[in-house]
ModelCIF file with pLDDT and N, C-alpha, C, O atoms, coordinates in Angstrom:
data_MODEL
#
_entry.id   MODEL 
#
_entity.id                         1 
_entity.type                       polymer 
_entity.pdbx_number_of_molecules   1 
#
_entity_poly.entity_id                      1 
_entity_poly.type                           'polypeptide(L)' 
_entity_poly.nstd_linkage                   no 
_entity_poly.nstd_monomer                   no 
_entity_poly.pdbx_seq_one_letter_code       IPLITRYWFAGSIAVPLVGKLGLVSPVNLFLWPDAFIHRFQIWRPITA 
_entity_poly.pdbx_seq_one_letter_code_can   IPLITRYWFAGSIAVPLVGKLGLVSPVNLFLWPDAFIHRFQIWRPITA 
_entity_poly.pdbx_strand_id                 A 
#
loop_
_entity_poly_seq.entity_id 
_entity_poly_seq.num 
_entity_poly_seq.mon_id 
_entity_poly_seq.hetero 
1 1  ILE n 
1 2  PRO n 
1 3  LEU n 
1 4  ILE n 
1 5  THR n 
1 6  ARG n 
1 7  TYR n 
1 8  TRP n 
1 9  PHE n 
1 10 ALA n 
1 11 GLY n 
1 12 SER n 
1 13 ILE n 
1 14 ALA n 
1 15 VAL n 
1 16 PRO n 
1 17 LEU n 
1 18 VAL n 
1 19 GLY n 
1 20 LYS n 
1 21 LEU n 
1 22 GLY n 
1 23 LEU n 
1 24 VAL n 
1 25 SER n 
1 26 PRO n 
1 27 VAL n 
1 28 ASN n 
1 29 LEU n 
1 30 PHE n 
1 31 LEU n 
1 32 TRP n 
1 33 PRO n 
1 34 ASP n 
1 35 ALA n 
1 36 PHE n 
1 37 ILE n 
1 38 HIS n 
1 39 ARG n 
1 40 PHE n 
1 41 GLN n 
1 42 ILE n 
1 43 TRP n 
1 44 ARG n 
1 45 PRO n 
1 46 ILE n 
1 47 THR n 
1 48 ALA n 
#
_struct_asym.id          A 
_struct_asym.entity_id   1 
#
loop_
_ma_qa_metric.id 
_ma_qa_metric.mode 
_ma_qa_metric.name 
_ma_qa_metric.software_group_id 
_ma_qa_metric.type 
1 global pLDDT . pLDDT 
2 local  pLDDT . pLDDT 
#
_ma_qa_metric_global.metric_id      1 
_ma_qa_metric_global.metric_value   90.81 
_ma_qa_metric_global.model_id       1 
_ma_qa_metric_global.ordinal_id     1 
#
loop_
_ma_qa_metric_local.label_asym_id 
_ma_qa_metric_local.label_comp_id 
_ma_qa_metric_local.label_seq_id 
_ma_qa_metric_local.metric_id 
_ma_qa_metric_local.metric_value 
_ma_qa_metric_local.model_id 
_ma_qa_metric_local.ordinal_id 
A ILE 1  2 93.00 1 1  
A PRO 2  2 93.00 1 2  
A LEU 3  2 93.00 1 3  
A ILE 4  2 95.00 1 4  
A THR 5  2 96.00 1 5  
A ARG 6  2 95.00 1 6  
A TYR 7  2 96.00 1 7  
A TRP 8  2 96.00 1 8  
A PHE 9  2 96.00 1 9  
A ALA 10 2 96.00 1 10 
A GLY 11 2 96.00 1 11 
A SER 12 2 96.00 1 12 
A ILE 13 2 95.00 1 13 
A ALA 14 2 96.00 1 14 
A VAL 15 2 95.00 1 15 
A PRO 16 2 94.00 1 16 
A LEU 17 2 94.00 1 17 
A VAL 18 2 93.00 1 18 
A GLY 19 2 91.00 1 19 
A LYS 20 2 90.00 1 20 
A LEU 21 2 91.00 1 21 
A GLY 22 2 88.00 1 22 
A LEU 23 2 93.00 1 23 
A VAL 24 2 91.00 1 24 
A SER 25 2 90.00 1 25 
A PRO 26 2 89.00 1 26 
A VAL 27 2 89.00 1 27 
A ASN 28 2 90.00 1 28 
A LEU 29 2 91.00 1 29 
A PHE 30 2 90.00 1 30 
A LEU 31 2 89.00 1 31 
A TRP 32 2 84.00 1 32 
A PRO 33 2 80.00 1 33 
A ASP 34 2 81.00 1 34 
A ALA 35 2 85.00 1 35 
A PHE 36 2 83.00 1 36 
A ILE 37 2 81.00 1 37 
A HIS 38 2 83.00 1 38 
A ARG 39 2 85.00 1 39 
A PHE 40 2 86.00 1 40 
A GLN 41 2 89.00 1 41 
A ILE 42 2 90.00 1 42 
A TRP 43 2 92.00 1 43 
A ARG 44 2 91.00 1 44 
A PRO 45 2 91.00 1 45 
A ILE 46 2 93.00 1 46 
A THR 47 2 93.00 1 47 
A ALA 48 2 92.00 1 48 
#
loop_
_atom_site.group_PDB 
_atom_site.id 
_atom_site.type_symbol 
_atom_site.label_atom_id 
_atom_site.label_alt_id 
_atom_site.label_comp_id 
_atom_site.label_asym_id 
_atom_site.label_entity_id 
_atom_site.label_seq_id 
_atom_site.pdbx_PDB_ins_code 
_atom_site.Cartn_x 
_atom_site.Cartn_y 
_atom_site.Cartn_z 
_atom_site.occupancy 
_atom_site.B_iso_or_equiv 
_atom_site.pdbx_formal_charge 
_atom_site.auth_seq_id 
_atom_site.auth_comp_id 
_atom_site.auth_asym_id 
_atom_site.auth_atom_id 
_atom_site.pdbx_PDB_model_num 
ATOM 1   N N  . ILE A 1 1  ? 136.041 -94.947  -71.862 1.00 93.00 ? 1  ILE A N  1 
ATOM 2   C CA . ILE A 1 1  ? 137.476 -94.981  -71.510 1.00 93.00 ? 1  ILE A CA 1 
ATOM 3   C C  . ILE A 1 1  ? 138.597 -94.693  -72.636 1.00 93.00 ? 1  ILE A C  1 
ATOM 4   O O  . ILE A 1 1  ? 138.327 -95.097  -73.767 1.00 93.00 ? 1  ILE A O  1 
ATOM 5   N N  . PRO A 1 2  ? 139.809 -94.044  -72.440 1.00 93.00 ? 2  PRO A N  1 
ATOM 6   C CA . PRO A 1 2  ? 140.767 -94.076  -73.420 1.00 93.00 ? 2  PRO A CA 1 
ATOM 7   C C  . PRO A 1 2  ? 141.299 -95.530  -73.918 1.00 93.00 ? 2  PRO A C  1 
ATOM 8   O O  . PRO A 1 2  ? 141.527 -96.428  -73.108 1.00 93.00 ? 2  PRO A O  1 
ATOM 9   N N  . LEU A 1 3  ? 141.466 -95.676  -75.239 1.00 93.00 ? 3  LEU A N  1 
ATOM 10  C CA . LEU A 1 3  ? 141.767 -96.991  -75.632 1.00 93.00 ? 3  LEU A CA 1 
ATOM 11  C C  . LEU A 1 3  ? 142.813 -97.839  -75.039 1.00 93.00 ? 3  LEU A C  1 
ATOM 12  O O  . LEU A 1 3  ? 142.481 -99.023  -74.990 1.00 93.00 ? 3  LEU A O  1 
ATOM 13  N N  . ILE A 1 4  ? 144.110 -97.541  -74.522 1.00 95.00 ? 4  ILE A N  1 
ATOM 14  C CA . ILE A 1 4  ? 145.040 -97.930  -74.063 1.00 95.00 ? 4  ILE A CA 1 
ATOM 15  C C  . ILE A 1 4  ? 144.151 -98.532  -72.472 1.00 95.00 ? 4  ILE A C  1 
ATOM 16  O O  . ILE A 1 4  ? 143.758 -99.696  -72.382 1.00 95.00 ? 4  ILE A O  1 
ATOM 17  N N  . THR A 1 5  ? 144.011 -97.773  -71.639 1.00 96.00 ? 5  THR A N  1 
ATOM 18  C CA . THR A 1 5  ? 143.644 -97.875  -70.267 1.00 96.00 ? 5  THR A CA 1 
ATOM 19  C C  . THR A 1 5  ? 142.175 -98.723  -70.256 1.00 96.00 ? 5  THR A C  1 
ATOM 20  O O  . THR A 1 5  ? 141.755 -99.318  -69.264 1.00 96.00 ? 5  THR A O  1 
ATOM 21  N N  . ARG A 1 6  ? 141.523 -98.659  -71.485 1.00 95.00 ? 6  ARG A N  1 
ATOM 22  C CA . ARG A 1 6  ? 140.470 -99.425  -71.574 1.00 95.00 ? 6  ARG A CA 1 
ATOM 23  C C  . ARG A 1 6  ? 140.506 -100.795 -71.876 1.00 95.00 ? 6  ARG A C  1 
ATOM 24  O O  . ARG A 1 6  ? 139.541 -101.510 -71.608 1.00 95.00 ? 6  ARG A O  1 
ATOM 25  N N  . TYR A 1 7  ? 141.570 -101.255 -72.432 1.00 96.00 ? 7  TYR A N  1 
ATOM 26  C CA . TYR A 1 7  ? 141.994 -102.805 -72.512 1.00 96.00 ? 7  TYR A CA 1 
ATOM 27  C C  . TYR A 1 7  ? 142.468 -103.216 -71.156 1.00 96.00 ? 7  TYR A C  1 
ATOM 28  O O  . TYR A 1 7  ? 142.117 -104.226 -70.546 1.00 96.00 ? 7  TYR A O  1 
ATOM 29  N N  . TRP A 1 8  ? 143.261 -102.354 -70.788 1.00 96.00 ? 8  TRP A N  1 
ATOM 30  C CA . TRP A 1 8  ? 144.039 -102.896 -69.571 1.00 96.00 ? 8  TRP A CA 1 
ATOM 31  C C  . TRP A 1 8  ? 143.100 -102.767 -68.340 1.00 96.00 ? 8  TRP A C  1 
ATOM 32  O O  . TRP A 1 8  ? 143.464 -103.364 -67.327 1.00 96.00 ? 8  TRP A O  1 
ATOM 33  N N  . PHE A 1 9  ? 141.975 -102.086 -68.297 1.00 96.00 ? 9  PHE A N  1 
ATOM 34  C CA . PHE A 1 9  ? 141.137 -102.223 -67.272 1.00 96.00 ? 9  PHE A CA 1 
ATOM 35  C C  . PHE A 1 9  ? 140.145 -103.396 -67.549 1.00 96.00 ? 9  PHE A C  1 
ATOM 36  O O  . PHE A 1 9  ? 139.495 -103.966 -66.673 1.00 96.00 ? 9  PHE A O  1 
ATOM 37  N N  . ALA A 1 10 ? 140.120 -103.633 -68.660 1.00 96.00 ? 10 ALA A N  1 
ATOM 38  C CA . ALA A 1 10 ? 138.950 -104.881 -69.151 1.00 96.00 ? 10 ALA A CA 1 
ATOM 39  C C  . ALA A 1 10 ? 139.859 -106.174 -68.642 1.00 96.00 ? 10 ALA A C  1 
ATOM 40  O O  . ALA A 1 10 ? 139.391 -107.026 -67.886 1.00 96.00 ? 10 ALA A O  1 
ATOM 41  N N  . GLY A 1 11 ? 140.943 -106.205 -69.048 1.00 96.00 ? 11 GLY A N  1 
ATOM 42  C CA . GLY A 1 11 ? 141.848 -107.449 -68.645 1.00 96.00 ? 11 GLY A CA 1 
ATOM 43  C C  . GLY A 1 11 ? 141.976 -107.608 -67.354 1.00 96.00 ? 11 GLY A C  1 
ATOM 44  O O  . GLY A 1 11 ? 141.835 -108.739 -66.890 1.00 96.00 ? 11 GLY A O  1 
ATOM 45  N N  . SER A 1 12 ? 142.262 -106.530 -66.527 1.00 96.00 ? 12 SER A N  1 
ATOM 46  C CA . SER A 1 12 ? 142.288 -106.309 -65.087 1.00 96.00 ? 12 SER A CA 1 
ATOM 47  C C  . SER A 1 12 ? 141.289 -106.971 -64.366 1.00 96.00 ? 12 SER A C  1 
ATOM 48  O O  . SER A 1 12 ? 141.593 -107.582 -63.341 1.00 96.00 ? 12 SER A O  1 
ATOM 49  N N  . ILE A 1 13 ? 139.870 -106.920 -64.862 1.00 95.00 ? 13 ILE A N  1 
ATOM 50  C CA . ILE A 1 13 ? 138.560 -107.446 -64.569 1.00 95.00 ? 13 ILE A CA 1 
ATOM 51  C C  . ILE A 1 13 ? 138.600 -108.967 -65.238 1.00 95.00 ? 13 ILE A C  1 
ATOM 52  O O  . ILE A 1 13 ? 138.267 -109.915 -64.527 1.00 95.00 ? 13 ILE A O  1 
ATOM 53  N N  . ALA A 1 14 ? 138.947 -109.156 -66.400 1.00 96.00 ? 14 ALA A N  1 
ATOM 54  C CA . ALA A 1 14 ? 138.709 -110.488 -66.945 1.00 96.00 ? 14 ALA A CA 1 
ATOM 55  C C  . ALA A 1 14 ? 139.697 -111.715 -66.360 1.00 96.00 ? 14 ALA A C  1 
ATOM 56  O O  . ALA A 1 14 ? 139.259 -112.809 -66.004 1.00 96.00 ? 14 ALA A O  1 
ATOM 57  N N  . VAL A 1 15 ? 140.734 -111.431 -66.337 1.00 95.00 ? 15 VAL A N  1 
ATOM 58  C CA . VAL A 1 15 ? 141.720 -112.612 -65.871 1.00 95.00 ? 15 VAL A CA 1 
ATOM 59  C C  . VAL A 1 15 ? 141.546 -112.650 -64.515 1.00 95.00 ? 15 VAL A C  1 
ATOM 60  O O  . VAL A 1 15 ? 141.633 -113.841 -64.216 1.00 95.00 ? 15 VAL A O  1 
ATOM 61  N N  . PRO A 1 16 ? 141.331 -111.948 -63.451 1.00 94.00 ? 16 PRO A N  1 
ATOM 62  C CA . PRO A 1 16 ? 140.885 -112.268 -62.037 1.00 94.00 ? 16 PRO A CA 1 
ATOM 63  C C  . PRO A 1 16 ? 139.608 -113.145 -61.935 1.00 94.00 ? 16 PRO A C  1 
ATOM 64  O O  . PRO A 1 16 ? 139.438 -114.097 -61.173 1.00 94.00 ? 16 PRO A O  1 
ATOM 65  N N  . LEU A 1 17 ? 138.723 -112.629 -62.869 1.00 94.00 ? 17 LEU A N  1 
ATOM 66  C CA . LEU A 1 17 ? 137.379 -113.501 -62.981 1.00 94.00 ? 17 LEU A CA 1 
ATOM 67  C C  . LEU A 1 17 ? 137.582 -114.928 -63.566 1.00 94.00 ? 17 LEU A C  1 
ATOM 68  O O  . LEU A 1 17 ? 136.907 -115.841 -63.089 1.00 94.00 ? 17 LEU A O  1 
ATOM 69  N N  . VAL A 1 18 ? 138.377 -115.155 -64.466 1.00 93.00 ? 18 VAL A N  1 
ATOM 70  C CA . VAL A 1 18 ? 138.648 -116.283 -65.311 1.00 93.00 ? 18 VAL A CA 1 
ATOM 71  C C  . VAL A 1 18 ? 139.319 -117.235 -63.889 1.00 93.00 ? 18 VAL A C  1 
ATOM 72  O O  . VAL A 1 18 ? 138.852 -118.325 -63.558 1.00 93.00 ? 18 VAL A O  1 
ATOM 73  N N  . GLY A 1 19 ? 140.130 -116.759 -63.394 1.00 91.00 ? 19 GLY A N  1 
ATOM 74  C CA . GLY A 1 19 ? 140.859 -117.487 -62.270 1.00 91.00 ? 19 GLY A CA 1 
ATOM 75  C C  . GLY A 1 19 ? 140.006 -117.422 -60.793 1.00 91.00 ? 19 GLY A C  1 
ATOM 76  O O  . GLY A 1 19 ? 140.386 -118.029 -59.792 1.00 91.00 ? 19 GLY A O  1 
ATOM 77  N N  . LYS A 1 20 ? 138.776 -116.569 -60.847 1.00 90.00 ? 20 LYS A N  1 
ATOM 78  C CA . LYS A 1 20 ? 138.085 -116.889 -59.869 1.00 90.00 ? 20 LYS A CA 1 
ATOM 79  C C  . LYS A 1 20 ? 136.977 -118.212 -59.899 1.00 90.00 ? 20 LYS A C  1 
ATOM 80  O O  . LYS A 1 20 ? 136.645 -119.072 -59.083 1.00 90.00 ? 20 LYS A O  1 
ATOM 81  N N  . LEU A 1 21 ? 136.673 -117.937 -61.042 1.00 91.00 ? 21 LEU A N  1 
ATOM 82  C CA . LEU A 1 21 ? 135.447 -118.899 -61.738 1.00 91.00 ? 21 LEU A CA 1 
ATOM 83  C C  . LEU A 1 21 ? 136.363 -120.281 -61.862 1.00 91.00 ? 21 LEU A C  1 
ATOM 84  O O  . LEU A 1 21 ? 135.728 -121.230 -62.322 1.00 91.00 ? 21 LEU A O  1 
ATOM 85  N N  . GLY A 1 22 ? 137.668 -120.534 -61.547 1.00 88.00 ? 22 GLY A N  1 
ATOM 86  C CA . GLY A 1 22 ? 138.168 -121.877 -61.949 1.00 88.00 ? 22 GLY A CA 1 
ATOM 87  C C  . GLY A 1 22 ? 138.413 -122.135 -63.467 1.00 88.00 ? 22 GLY A C  1 
ATOM 88  O O  . GLY A 1 22 ? 138.815 -123.225 -63.873 1.00 88.00 ? 22 GLY A O  1 
ATOM 89  N N  . LEU A 1 23 ? 138.187 -121.232 -64.166 1.00 93.00 ? 23 LEU A N  1 
ATOM 90  C CA . LEU A 1 23 ? 138.461 -121.770 -65.880 1.00 93.00 ? 23 LEU A CA 1 
ATOM 91  C C  . LEU A 1 23 ? 139.701 -121.871 -65.919 1.00 93.00 ? 23 LEU A C  1 
ATOM 92  O O  . LEU A 1 23 ? 140.071 -122.821 -66.609 1.00 93.00 ? 23 LEU A O  1 
ATOM 93  N N  . VAL A 1 24 ? 140.741 -121.101 -65.324 1.00 91.00 ? 24 VAL A N  1 
ATOM 94  C CA . VAL A 1 24 ? 142.040 -121.546 -65.344 1.00 91.00 ? 24 VAL A CA 1 
ATOM 95  C C  . VAL A 1 24 ? 142.661 -121.836 -63.724 1.00 91.00 ? 24 VAL A C  1 
ATOM 96  O O  . VAL A 1 24 ? 142.020 -121.492 -62.731 1.00 91.00 ? 24 VAL A O  1 
ATOM 97  N N  . SER A 1 25 ? 143.692 -122.361 -63.662 1.00 90.00 ? 25 SER A N  1 
ATOM 98  C CA . SER A 1 25 ? 143.910 -122.252 -62.176 1.00 90.00 ? 25 SER A CA 1 
ATOM 99  C C  . SER A 1 25 ? 145.041 -121.290 -61.919 1.00 90.00 ? 25 SER A C  1 
ATOM 100 O O  . SER A 1 25 ? 146.113 -121.307 -62.524 1.00 90.00 ? 25 SER A O  1 
ATOM 101 N N  . PRO A 1 26 ? 144.559 -120.099 -60.567 1.00 89.00 ? 26 PRO A N  1 
ATOM 102 C CA . PRO A 1 26 ? 145.043 -119.357 -60.219 1.00 89.00 ? 26 PRO A CA 1 
ATOM 103 C C  . PRO A 1 26 ? 146.881 -119.455 -60.244 1.00 89.00 ? 26 PRO A C  1 
ATOM 104 O O  . PRO A 1 26 ? 147.677 -118.543 -60.466 1.00 89.00 ? 26 PRO A O  1 
ATOM 105 N N  . VAL A 1 27 ? 147.128 -120.767 -59.960 1.00 89.00 ? 27 VAL A N  1 
ATOM 106 C CA . VAL A 1 27 ? 148.366 -121.169 -60.218 1.00 89.00 ? 27 VAL A CA 1 
ATOM 107 C C  . VAL A 1 27 ? 149.242 -120.913 -61.261 1.00 89.00 ? 27 VAL A C  1 
ATOM 108 O O  . VAL A 1 27 ? 150.463 -120.826 -61.124 1.00 89.00 ? 27 VAL A O  1 
ATOM 109 N N  . ASN A 1 28 ? 148.606 -120.787 -62.349 1.00 90.00 ? 28 ASN A N  1 
ATOM 110 C CA . ASN A 1 28 ? 149.205 -120.730 -63.735 1.00 90.00 ? 28 ASN A CA 1 
ATOM 111 C C  . ASN A 1 28 ? 149.186 -119.042 -64.045 1.00 90.00 ? 28 ASN A C  1 
ATOM 112 O O  . ASN A 1 28 ? 149.837 -118.586 -64.985 1.00 90.00 ? 28 ASN A O  1 
ATOM 113 N N  . LEU A 1 29 ? 148.593 -118.413 -63.397 1.00 91.00 ? 29 LEU A N  1 
ATOM 114 C CA . LEU A 1 29 ? 148.633 -116.985 -63.736 1.00 91.00 ? 29 LEU A CA 1 
ATOM 115 C C  . LEU A 1 29 ? 149.630 -116.235 -62.958 1.00 91.00 ? 29 LEU A C  1 
ATOM 116 O O  . LEU A 1 29 ? 149.921 -115.122 -63.396 1.00 91.00 ? 29 LEU A O  1 
ATOM 117 N N  . PHE A 1 30 ? 150.293 -116.703 -61.725 1.00 90.00 ? 30 PHE A N  1 
ATOM 118 C CA . PHE A 1 30 ? 151.010 -116.031 -61.103 1.00 90.00 ? 30 PHE A CA 1 
ATOM 119 C C  . PHE A 1 30 ? 152.374 -115.939 -61.922 1.00 90.00 ? 30 PHE A C  1 
ATOM 120 O O  . PHE A 1 30 ? 152.527 -116.687 -62.887 1.00 90.00 ? 30 PHE A O  1 
ATOM 121 N N  . LEU A 1 31 ? 153.394 -115.010 -61.544 1.00 89.00 ? 31 LEU A N  1 
ATOM 122 C CA . LEU A 1 31 ? 154.706 -115.214 -62.062 1.00 89.00 ? 31 LEU A CA 1 
ATOM 123 C C  . LEU A 1 31 ? 155.544 -115.877 -61.193 1.00 89.00 ? 31 LEU A C  1 
ATOM 124 O O  . LEU A 1 31 ? 155.834 -115.315 -60.137 1.00 89.00 ? 31 LEU A O  1 
ATOM 125 N N  . TRP A 1 32 ? 156.062 -117.156 -61.485 1.00 84.00 ? 32 TRP A N  1 
ATOM 126 C CA . TRP A 1 32 ? 156.671 -117.823 -60.749 1.00 84.00 ? 32 TRP A CA 1 
ATOM 127 C C  . TRP A 1 32 ? 157.992 -117.996 -61.370 1.00 84.00 ? 32 TRP A C  1 
ATOM 128 O O  . TRP A 1 32 ? 158.008 -118.831 -62.274 1.00 84.00 ? 32 TRP A O  1 
ATOM 129 N N  . PRO A 1 33 ? 159.198 -117.360 -61.081 1.00 80.00 ? 33 PRO A N  1 
ATOM 130 C CA . PRO A 1 33 ? 160.498 -117.360 -61.685 1.00 80.00 ? 33 PRO A CA 1 
ATOM 131 C C  . PRO A 1 33 ? 161.105 -118.792 -62.023 1.00 80.00 ? 33 PRO A C  1 
ATOM 132 O O  . PRO A 1 33 ? 161.863 -118.960 -62.979 1.00 80.00 ? 33 PRO A O  1 
ATOM 133 N N  . ASP A 1 34 ? 160.747 -119.714 -61.240 1.00 81.00 ? 34 ASP A N  1 
ATOM 134 C CA . ASP A 1 34 ? 161.220 -121.077 -61.934 1.00 81.00 ? 34 ASP A CA 1 
ATOM 135 C C  . ASP A 1 34 ? 160.392 -121.530 -63.254 1.00 81.00 ? 34 ASP A C  1 
ATOM 136 O O  . ASP A 1 34 ? 160.957 -121.962 -64.259 1.00 81.00 ? 34 ASP A O  1 
ATOM 137 N N  . ALA A 1 35 ? 159.100 -121.394 -63.143 1.00 85.00 ? 35 ALA A N  1 
ATOM 138 C CA . ALA A 1 35 ? 158.322 -121.727 -64.145 1.00 85.00 ? 35 ALA A CA 1 
ATOM 139 C C  . ALA A 1 35 ? 158.534 -120.892 -65.346 1.00 85.00 ? 35 ALA A C  1 
ATOM 140 O O  . ALA A 1 35 ? 158.531 -121.430 -66.453 1.00 85.00 ? 35 ALA A O  1 
ATOM 141 N N  . PHE A 1 36 ? 158.726 -119.561 -65.209 1.00 83.00 ? 36 PHE A N  1 
ATOM 142 C CA . PHE A 1 36 ? 159.170 -118.602 -66.301 1.00 83.00 ? 36 PHE A CA 1 
ATOM 143 C C  . PHE A 1 36 ? 160.517 -118.881 -67.114 1.00 83.00 ? 36 PHE A C  1 
ATOM 144 O O  . PHE A 1 36 ? 160.621 -118.844 -68.340 1.00 83.00 ? 36 PHE A O  1 
ATOM 145 N N  . ILE A 1 37 ? 161.504 -119.161 -66.218 1.00 81.00 ? 37 ILE A N  1 
ATOM 146 C CA . ILE A 1 37 ? 162.926 -119.232 -66.729 1.00 81.00 ? 37 ILE A CA 1 
ATOM 147 C C  . ILE A 1 37 ? 163.089 -120.669 -67.303 1.00 81.00 ? 37 ILE A C  1 
ATOM 148 O O  . ILE A 1 37 ? 163.382 -120.916 -68.473 1.00 81.00 ? 37 ILE A O  1 
ATOM 149 N N  . HIS A 1 38 ? 162.882 -121.488 -66.425 1.00 83.00 ? 38 HIS A N  1 
ATOM 150 C CA . HIS A 1 38 ? 163.318 -123.035 -66.840 1.00 83.00 ? 38 HIS A CA 1 
ATOM 151 C C  . HIS A 1 38 ? 162.255 -123.996 -67.319 1.00 83.00 ? 38 HIS A C  1 
ATOM 152 O O  . HIS A 1 38 ? 162.541 -125.119 -67.734 1.00 83.00 ? 38 HIS A O  1 
ATOM 153 N N  . ARG A 1 39 ? 160.832 -123.457 -67.243 1.00 85.00 ? 39 ARG A N  1 
ATOM 154 C CA . ARG A 1 39 ? 160.162 -124.106 -67.904 1.00 85.00 ? 39 ARG A CA 1 
ATOM 155 C C  . ARG A 1 39 ? 159.407 -123.330 -69.418 1.00 85.00 ? 39 ARG A C  1 
ATOM 156 O O  . ARG A 1 39 ? 158.538 -123.690 -70.211 1.00 85.00 ? 39 ARG A O  1 
ATOM 157 N N  . PHE A 1 40 ? 160.046 -122.434 -69.313 1.00 86.00 ? 40 PHE A N  1 
ATOM 158 C CA . PHE A 1 40 ? 159.753 -121.420 -70.612 1.00 86.00 ? 40 PHE A CA 1 
ATOM 159 C C  . PHE A 1 40 ? 158.118 -121.129 -70.868 1.00 86.00 ? 40 PHE A C  1 
ATOM 160 O O  . PHE A 1 40 ? 157.607 -121.005 -71.981 1.00 86.00 ? 40 PHE A O  1 
ATOM 161 N N  . GLN A 1 41 ? 157.421 -121.048 -69.587 1.00 89.00 ? 41 GLN A N  1 
ATOM 162 C CA . GLN A 1 41 ? 155.923 -120.625 -69.239 1.00 89.00 ? 41 GLN A CA 1 
ATOM 163 C C  . GLN A 1 41 ? 155.973 -119.053 -69.830 1.00 89.00 ? 41 GLN A C  1 
ATOM 164 O O  . GLN A 1 41 ? 155.548 -118.220 -69.030 1.00 89.00 ? 41 GLN A O  1 
ATOM 165 N N  . ILE A 1 42 ? 156.366 -118.616 -70.928 1.00 90.00 ? 42 ILE A N  1 
ATOM 166 C CA . ILE A 1 42 ? 156.404 -117.107 -70.982 1.00 90.00 ? 42 ILE A CA 1 
ATOM 167 C C  . ILE A 1 42 ? 155.075 -116.321 -71.059 1.00 90.00 ? 42 ILE A C  1 
ATOM 168 O O  . ILE A 1 42 ? 155.146 -115.195 -71.551 1.00 90.00 ? 42 ILE A O  1 
ATOM 169 N N  . TRP A 1 43 ? 153.965 -116.734 -70.671 1.00 92.00 ? 43 TRP A N  1 
ATOM 170 C CA . TRP A 1 43 ? 152.779 -116.167 -70.699 1.00 92.00 ? 43 TRP A CA 1 
ATOM 171 C C  . TRP A 1 43 ? 152.768 -115.438 -69.329 1.00 92.00 ? 43 TRP A C  1 
ATOM 172 O O  . TRP A 1 43 ? 152.181 -114.362 -69.220 1.00 92.00 ? 43 TRP A O  1 
ATOM 173 N N  . ARG A 1 44 ? 153.317 -115.929 -68.435 1.00 91.00 ? 44 ARG A N  1 
ATOM 174 C CA . ARG A 1 44 ? 153.204 -115.764 -66.883 1.00 91.00 ? 44 ARG A CA 1 
ATOM 175 C C  . ARG A 1 44 ? 153.666 -114.298 -66.386 1.00 91.00 ? 44 ARG A C  1 
ATOM 176 O O  . ARG A 1 44 ? 153.152 -113.806 -65.381 1.00 91.00 ? 44 ARG A O  1 
ATOM 177 N N  . PRO A 1 45 ? 154.624 -113.639 -67.107 1.00 91.00 ? 45 PRO A N  1 
ATOM 178 C CA . PRO A 1 45 ? 154.532 -111.983 -66.894 1.00 91.00 ? 45 PRO A CA 1 
ATOM 179 C C  . PRO A 1 45 ? 153.271 -111.202 -67.587 1.00 91.00 ? 45 PRO A C  1 
ATOM 180 O O  . PRO A 1 45 ? 152.951 -110.149 -67.036 1.00 91.00 ? 45 PRO A O  1 
ATOM 181 N N  . ILE A 1 46 ? 152.739 -111.487 -68.402 1.00 93.00 ? 46 ILE A N  1 
ATOM 182 C CA . ILE A 1 46 ? 151.588 -110.916 -68.864 1.00 93.00 ? 46 ILE A CA 1 
ATOM 183 C C  . ILE A 1 46 ? 150.373 -111.252 -67.954 1.00 93.00 ? 46 ILE A C  1 
ATOM 184 O O  . ILE A 1 46 ? 149.600 -110.388 -67.542 1.00 93.00 ? 46 ILE A O  1 
ATOM 185 N N  . THR A 1 47 ? 150.276 -112.480 -67.694 1.00 93.00 ? 47 THR A N  1 
ATOM 186 C CA . THR A 1 47 ? 148.848 -112.884 -66.874 1.00 93.00 ? 47 THR A CA 1 
ATOM 187 C C  . THR A 1 47 ? 149.012 -112.311 -65.281 1.00 93.00 ? 47 THR A C  1 
ATOM 188 O O  . THR A 1 47 ? 148.060 -111.856 -64.646 1.00 93.00 ? 47 THR A O  1 
ATOM 189 N N  . ALA A 1 48 ? 150.461 -112.423 -64.731 1.00 92.00 ? 48 ALA A N  1 
ATOM 190 C CA . ALA A 1 48 ? 150.687 -111.754 -63.448 1.00 92.00 ? 48 ALA A CA 1 
ATOM 191 C C  . ALA A 1 48 ? 150.344 -110.135 -63.751 1.00 92.00 ? 48 ALA A C  1 
ATOM 192 O O  . ALA A 1 48 ? 150.444 -109.303 -62.849 1.00 92.00 ? 48 ALA A O  1 
#
């Protein structure tokens, strides 16, 4: 798989799997505007 697509594809499998297994709460993976802007949870646009 081409390099950039490979990492994007792998991330799109790994992150949902992490949420599915409960290793990280799915609530922390969504892009919630209030949490992103007011609580400075800057990872949310990436995980979402």
